[in-house]
Amino acid sequence: MTGTRKRNWKSPVTGLAFAALTAASFAVPGEWGKMLFLMGAAGFVGWGTNAVAIKMLFDRIRILGVPVPFSGIVPLKRRELIDSMSRSVASHLVHPGALREQILKSDFVAALVEVARDRVRAAAADEDVVGRVLREVSSRGREVVKSGSVREHVRRRVVDGIRERGFLARAFVDPDAVGSAILETADNFLVQLPNDPKARDQVRALADRLPQAGTDQAKALEERLRPLAEGMLEATLARIDVEKTVRENLEGFSDQEIKLLVQRSTREHLGWLEVWGGILGAIAGAAMHLVLR
């Protein structure tokens, strides 16, 4: 953010107009000339006073090296200005409630689903990613298969199945041996899973079965995911300190950048202040002429 303040064209035109009016008054004889002189001079003084005052608002004015009191308000009040701007932005512009409302008005859930769909498809097309997924499934699955709770659960199910088959089944079938065989088969399957071409094809097919955007299935998925997404959004926004973020950004600005930031948003209004200073001065000049006649 560099450069100087671009003065609005209305202000210099106003100053030149009143200077020209003052000069032209010498060519007008009589009372009209006196009135035009007072209007032009007072208008020029009014315009110039406001222009200097606005200049002093942003810049530290020095006369013979001595700073003019109360000039350079913006740089002198830098800290208070940054605090005020930070609070205003956080309270009225981008506070978490406003952010949440704007996000919820958009199709952010559909966008999340679309991004997830694209990521899954991209991952499914990557052999390395598919391999890592299958290895992770294999590793975690073998941990589950070897756990004592799963072993005990399988044994109970085998015992229940044998009991339902009657006396001969209970007499000749060892539930522990059957359970161990089932778990060993599952473990062997998981060991071979990362290298199984069919498993890789199934992962890719799973990605292809994801619903397309705009379909009824996609909309149903979005509705199921909406409460989860909104909860994640609430939790995320609650952790955002907007005021702190804005303050830290503004603190990184130089005095010149702070000045330009304020001027950029107030240039139009400040230009009109200078114009109205001239107009009111001219009115005062005309009133003085009428009073002194």
Protein backbone atom coordinates (compact mmCIF):
# COMPACT_ATOMS: atom_id res chain seq x y z
CA MET A 1 0.00 0.00 0.00
CA THR A 2 2.02 2.96 -1.26
CA GLY A 3 1.46 6.37 -2.75
CA THR A 4 -0.03 9.65 -1.64
CA ARG A 5 -3.59 10.74 -1.06
CA LYS A 6 -5.41 11.49 -4.29
CA ARG A 7 -7.19 14.79 -3.74
CA ASN A 8 -10.75 14.95 -5.01
CA TRP A 9 -11.05 17.28 -8.00
CA LYS A 10 -13.84 19.27 -6.30
CA SER A 11 -11.48 20.70 -3.68
CA PRO A 12 -8.81 22.30 -5.94
CA VAL A 13 -11.49 23.55 -8.34
CA THR A 14 -13.21 25.24 -5.37
CA GLY A 15 -9.99 26.91 -4.25
CA LEU A 16 -9.21 28.13 -7.77
CA ALA A 17 -12.78 29.40 -8.22
CA PHE A 18 -12.65 31.57 -5.10
CA ALA A 19 -9.14 32.81 -5.96
CA ALA A 20 -10.41 33.75 -9.43
CA LEU A 21 -13.46 35.45 -7.91
CA THR A 22 -11.20 37.52 -5.65
CA ALA A 23 -9.02 38.58 -8.58
CA ALA A 24 -12.04 39.35 -10.78
CA SER A 25 -13.53 41.59 -8.11
CA PHE A 26 -10.89 44.25 -8.86
CA ALA A 27 -12.34 44.61 -12.34
CA VAL A 28 -15.87 45.28 -11.01
CA PRO A 29 -16.47 48.81 -9.80
CA GLY A 30 -18.58 49.92 -6.87
CA GLU A 31 -20.37 47.90 -4.26
CA TRP A 32 -20.59 44.82 -6.43
CA GLY A 33 -16.82 44.69 -6.62
CA LYS A 34 -16.50 44.98 -2.84
CA MET A 35 -19.03 42.20 -2.30
CA LEU A 36 -17.32 39.90 -4.81
CA PHE A 37 -13.98 40.58 -3.13
CA LEU A 38 -15.32 39.69 0.32
CA MET A 39 -17.07 36.59 -1.01
CA GLY A 40 -13.97 35.41 -2.89
CA ALA A 41 -11.53 36.16 -0.07
CA ALA A 42 -13.72 34.66 2.66
CA GLY A 43 -14.51 31.64 0.50
CA PHE A 44 -10.82 31.10 -0.22
CA VAL A 45 -9.99 31.38 3.49
CA GLY A 46 -12.80 28.98 4.41
CA TRP A 47 -11.68 26.48 1.81
CA GLY A 48 -8.01 26.82 2.78
CA THR A 49 -8.73 26.51 6.50
CA ASN A 50 -10.57 23.24 6.03
CA ALA A 51 -7.91 21.94 3.62
CA VAL A 52 -5.15 22.69 6.14
CA ALA A 53 -7.18 21.19 8.97
CA ILE A 54 -7.67 17.96 7.03
CA LYS A 55 -3.96 17.94 6.16
CA MET A 56 -3.16 18.34 9.88
CA LEU A 57 -5.48 15.45 10.67
CA PHE A 58 -3.26 13.03 8.76
CA ASP A 59 0.21 14.61 8.83
CA ARG A 60 2.45 16.05 11.50
CA ILE A 61 2.95 19.70 10.46
CA ARG A 62 6.19 21.44 11.48
CA ILE A 63 7.01 25.14 11.37
CA LEU A 64 10.73 25.91 11.62
CA GLY A 65 11.20 22.35 12.83
CA VAL A 66 8.66 22.72 15.64
CA PRO A 67 5.60 20.45 15.39
CA VAL A 68 2.27 22.25 15.35
CA PRO A 69 0.20 21.16 18.38
CA PHE A 70 -2.65 18.75 17.66
CA SER A 71 -1.44 18.00 14.11
CA GLY A 72 -0.96 14.43 12.88
CA ILE A 73 -3.90 13.02 14.84
CA VAL A 74 -3.99 9.75 12.88
CA PRO A 75 -0.35 8.74 13.49
CA LEU A 76 -0.44 10.02 17.09
CA LYS A 77 -3.58 8.01 17.83
CA ARG A 78 -2.44 4.95 15.90
CA ARG A 79 -3.03 2.52 18.78
CA GLU A 80 -6.52 3.82 19.58
CA LEU A 81 -7.43 3.83 15.89
CA ILE A 82 -6.31 0.23 15.40
CA ASP A 83 -8.23 -0.88 18.50
CA SER A 84 -11.37 0.93 17.37
CA MET A 85 -11.21 -0.46 13.83
CA SER A 86 -10.59 -3.99 15.15
CA ARG A 87 -13.56 -3.83 17.51
CA SER A 88 -15.82 -2.39 14.82
CA VAL A 89 -14.91 -5.07 12.29
CA ALA A 90 -15.30 -7.87 14.84
CA SER A 91 -18.58 -6.52 16.26
CA HIS A 92 -20.41 -5.38 13.15
CA LEU A 93 -18.82 -6.72 9.96
CA VAL A 94 -17.31 -10.20 10.25
CA HIS A 95 -18.29 -11.45 13.69
CA PRO A 96 -18.83 -15.24 13.93
CA GLY A 97 -22.61 -14.91 13.82
CA ALA A 98 -22.53 -12.94 10.57
CA LEU A 99 -19.99 -15.34 9.06
CA ARG A 100 -22.13 -18.33 10.02
CA GLU A 101 -25.25 -16.74 8.51
CA GLN A 102 -23.52 -15.94 5.24
CA ILE A 103 -21.96 -19.39 4.96
CA LEU A 104 -25.24 -21.13 5.73
CA LYS A 105 -26.96 -19.09 3.01
CA SER A 106 -24.53 -20.50 0.49
CA ASP A 107 -24.36 -24.06 -0.82
CA PHE A 108 -21.41 -24.82 1.41
CA VAL A 109 -22.59 -28.36 2.29
CA ALA A 110 -22.96 -29.20 -1.40
CA ALA A 111 -19.52 -27.70 -2.00
CA LEU A 112 -18.04 -29.82 0.80
CA VAL A 113 -19.62 -32.95 -0.65
CA GLU A 114 -18.32 -32.07 -4.11
CA VAL A 115 -14.80 -31.48 -2.79
CA ALA A 116 -14.91 -34.75 -0.85
CA ARG A 117 -16.16 -36.58 -3.93
CA ASP A 118 -13.35 -35.16 -6.06
CA ARG A 119 -10.75 -36.01 -3.44
CA VAL A 120 -12.00 -39.58 -3.09
CA ARG A 121 -12.00 -40.10 -6.83
CA ALA A 122 -8.53 -38.61 -7.17
CA ALA A 123 -7.29 -40.82 -4.35
CA ALA A 124 -8.92 -43.91 -5.86
CA ALA A 125 -7.11 -43.24 -9.13
CA ASP A 126 -3.74 -43.11 -7.34
CA GLU A 127 -2.24 -46.59 -6.95
CA ASP A 128 -0.05 -45.49 -4.05
CA VAL A 129 -3.01 -44.05 -2.16
CA VAL A 130 -5.12 -47.16 -2.74
CA GLY A 131 -2.21 -49.29 -1.56
CA ARG A 132 -1.82 -47.25 1.64
CA VAL A 133 -5.55 -47.48 2.31
CA LEU A 134 -5.58 -51.27 1.87
CA ARG A 135 -2.45 -51.66 4.03
CA GLU A 136 -4.05 -49.57 6.74
CA VAL A 137 -7.27 -51.61 6.54
CA SER A 138 -5.20 -54.80 6.66
CA SER A 139 -3.18 -53.66 9.68
CA ARG A 140 -6.14 -52.40 11.67
CA GLY A 141 -8.27 -55.40 10.71
CA ARG A 142 -5.61 -57.87 11.88
CA GLU A 143 -5.39 -56.03 15.20
CA VAL A 144 -9.14 -56.43 15.63
CA VAL A 145 -9.11 -60.10 14.60
CA LYS A 146 -6.37 -60.91 17.10
CA SER A 147 -8.03 -59.09 19.99
CA GLY A 148 -9.38 -61.15 22.86
CA SER A 149 -12.84 -59.58 22.70
CA VAL A 150 -13.33 -60.60 19.06
CA ARG A 151 -12.00 -64.10 19.73
CA GLU A 152 -14.45 -64.51 22.62
CA HIS A 153 -17.34 -63.13 20.58
CA VAL A 154 -16.64 -65.57 17.72
CA ARG A 155 -16.41 -68.46 20.17
CA ARG A 156 -19.82 -67.62 21.69
CA ARG A 157 -21.41 -67.40 18.26
CA VAL A 158 -19.91 -70.80 17.31
CA VAL A 159 -21.13 -72.36 20.55
CA ASP A 160 -24.64 -71.00 19.95
CA GLY A 161 -24.59 -72.34 16.39
CA ILE A 162 -23.44 -75.79 17.51
CA ARG A 163 -26.08 -75.91 20.24
CA GLU A 164 -28.79 -75.22 17.65
CA ARG A 165 -27.57 -78.15 15.51
CA GLY A 166 -28.33 -80.68 18.22
CA PHE A 167 -26.55 -83.41 20.22
CA LEU A 168 -24.28 -84.77 17.50
CA ALA A 169 -22.90 -81.35 16.67
CA ARG A 170 -22.15 -80.69 20.33
CA ALA A 171 -20.44 -84.06 20.61
CA PHE A 172 -18.18 -83.92 17.57
CA VAL A 173 -17.49 -80.20 16.91
CA ASP A 174 -14.89 -78.32 18.96
CA PRO A 175 -16.02 -74.65 19.20
CA ASP A 176 -12.49 -73.46 19.96
CA ALA A 177 -11.08 -75.14 16.87
CA VAL A 178 -13.87 -73.77 14.66
CA GLY A 179 -13.44 -70.27 16.09
CA SER A 180 -9.68 -70.38 15.58
CA ALA A 181 -10.15 -71.54 11.98
CA ILE A 182 -12.55 -68.66 11.27
CA LEU A 183 -10.19 -66.09 12.75
CA GLU A 184 -7.18 -67.59 10.95
CA THR A 185 -9.05 -67.41 7.64
CA ALA A 186 -9.93 -63.76 8.30
CA ASP A 187 -6.33 -62.98 9.21
CA ASN A 188 -5.02 -64.64 6.02
CA PHE A 189 -7.51 -62.64 3.97
CA LEU A 190 -6.34 -59.38 5.58
CA VAL A 191 -2.68 -60.28 5.04
CA GLN A 192 -3.29 -60.76 1.31
CA LEU A 193 -5.64 -57.77 0.99
CA PRO A 194 -3.04 -55.07 0.02
CA ASN A 195 -1.84 -57.18 -2.92
CA ASP A 196 -5.26 -58.33 -4.10
CA PRO A 197 -6.10 -56.77 -7.51
CA LYS A 198 -9.81 -57.33 -6.89
CA ALA A 199 -9.63 -55.31 -3.66
CA ARG A 200 -8.04 -52.42 -5.55
CA ASP A 201 -10.77 -52.61 -8.20
CA GLN A 202 -13.43 -52.54 -5.49
CA VAL A 203 -11.92 -49.41 -3.94
CA ARG A 204 -12.01 -47.67 -7.31
CA ALA A 205 -15.55 -48.90 -7.93
CA LEU A 206 -16.61 -47.52 -4.55
CA ALA A 207 -15.43 -44.06 -5.58
CA ASP A 208 -17.37 -44.33 -8.85
CA ARG A 209 -20.55 -45.17 -6.95
CA LEU A 210 -20.51 -41.82 -5.12
CA PRO A 211 -23.60 -39.82 -6.15
CA GLN A 212 -23.22 -37.19 -8.84
CA ALA A 213 -23.81 -33.53 -7.94
CA GLY A 214 -27.42 -32.44 -8.37
CA THR A 215 -28.90 -35.93 -8.18
CA ASP A 216 -31.46 -36.96 -5.58
CA GLN A 217 -28.89 -39.24 -3.96
CA ALA A 218 -26.41 -36.36 -3.67
CA LYS A 219 -29.05 -34.08 -2.15
CA ALA A 220 -30.02 -36.78 0.35
CA LEU A 221 -26.35 -37.18 1.30
CA GLU A 222 -26.02 -33.42 1.72
CA GLU A 223 -29.02 -33.32 4.06
CA ARG A 224 -27.56 -36.13 6.18
CA LEU A 225 -24.22 -34.35 6.36
CA ARG A 226 -25.65 -30.87 7.02
CA PRO A 227 -25.96 -31.20 10.84
CA LEU A 228 -22.38 -32.50 11.01
CA ALA A 229 -21.07 -29.74 8.75
CA GLU A 230 -22.94 -27.04 10.68
CA GLY A 231 -21.56 -28.38 13.95
CA MET A 232 -18.02 -28.30 12.56
CA LEU A 233 -18.65 -24.77 11.28
CA GLU A 234 -19.88 -23.61 14.69
CA ALA A 235 -16.86 -25.11 16.44
CA THR A 236 -14.46 -23.56 13.93
CA LEU A 237 -15.99 -20.07 14.08
CA ALA A 238 -16.03 -20.19 17.88
CA ARG A 239 -12.24 -20.54 17.84
CA ILE A 240 -11.72 -17.56 15.51
CA ASP A 241 -10.78 -14.31 17.28
CA VAL A 242 -11.68 -11.84 14.53
CA GLU A 243 -10.72 -8.78 16.58
CA LYS A 244 -7.29 -10.19 17.36
CA THR A 245 -6.71 -11.16 13.73
CA VAL A 246 -7.66 -7.72 12.43
CA ARG A 247 -5.55 -6.00 15.09
CA GLU A 248 -2.49 -8.09 14.28
CA ASN A 249 -2.87 -7.31 10.57
CA LEU A 250 -3.26 -3.58 11.18
CA GLU A 251 -0.29 -3.52 13.54
CA GLY A 252 1.83 -4.67 10.63
CA PHE A 253 0.88 -1.54 8.67
CA SER A 254 3.18 1.49 8.67
CA ASP A 255 1.87 4.93 9.67
CA GLN A 256 1.69 5.83 5.98
CA GLU A 257 -0.37 2.72 5.20
CA ILE A 258 -2.75 3.44 8.09
CA LYS A 259 -3.16 7.00 6.81
CA LEU A 260 -3.89 5.82 3.27
CA LEU A 261 -6.34 3.21 4.59
CA VAL A 262 -8.37 5.91 6.34
CA GLN A 263 -8.08 8.35 3.43
CA ARG A 264 -9.25 5.74 0.93
CA SER A 265 -12.57 5.36 2.74
CA THR A 266 -13.07 9.08 3.60
CA ARG A 267 -11.65 10.87 0.55
CA GLU A 268 -15.02 11.76 -0.96
CA HIS A 269 -16.41 13.16 2.30
CA LEU A 270 -13.23 15.07 3.16
CA GLY A 271 -13.27 16.65 -0.30
CA TRP A 272 -16.79 17.91 0.30
CA LEU A 273 -15.74 19.34 3.68
CA GLU A 274 -13.21 21.52 1.88
CA VAL A 275 -15.83 22.58 -0.69
CA TRP A 276 -18.36 23.47 1.98
CA GLY A 277 -15.72 25.43 3.86
CA GLY A 278 -15.38 27.63 0.81
CA ILE A 279 -19.13 27.95 0.25
CA LEU A 280 -19.84 28.91 3.85
CA GLY A 281 -16.95 31.36 3.76
CA ALA A 282 -18.40 33.01 0.67
CA ILE A 283 -21.82 33.26 2.33
CA ALA A 284 -20.18 34.85 5.37
CA GLY A 285 -18.35 37.31 3.10
CA ALA A 286 -21.61 38.35 1.43
CA ALA A 287 -23.27 38.75 4.83
CA MET A 288 -20.38 40.97 6.03
CA HIS A 289 -20.77 43.20 2.99
CA LEU A 290 -24.49 43.62 3.60
CA VAL A 291 -23.91 44.42 7.29
CA LEU A 292 -21.13 46.94 6.59
CA ARG A 293 -22.93 48.84 3.81
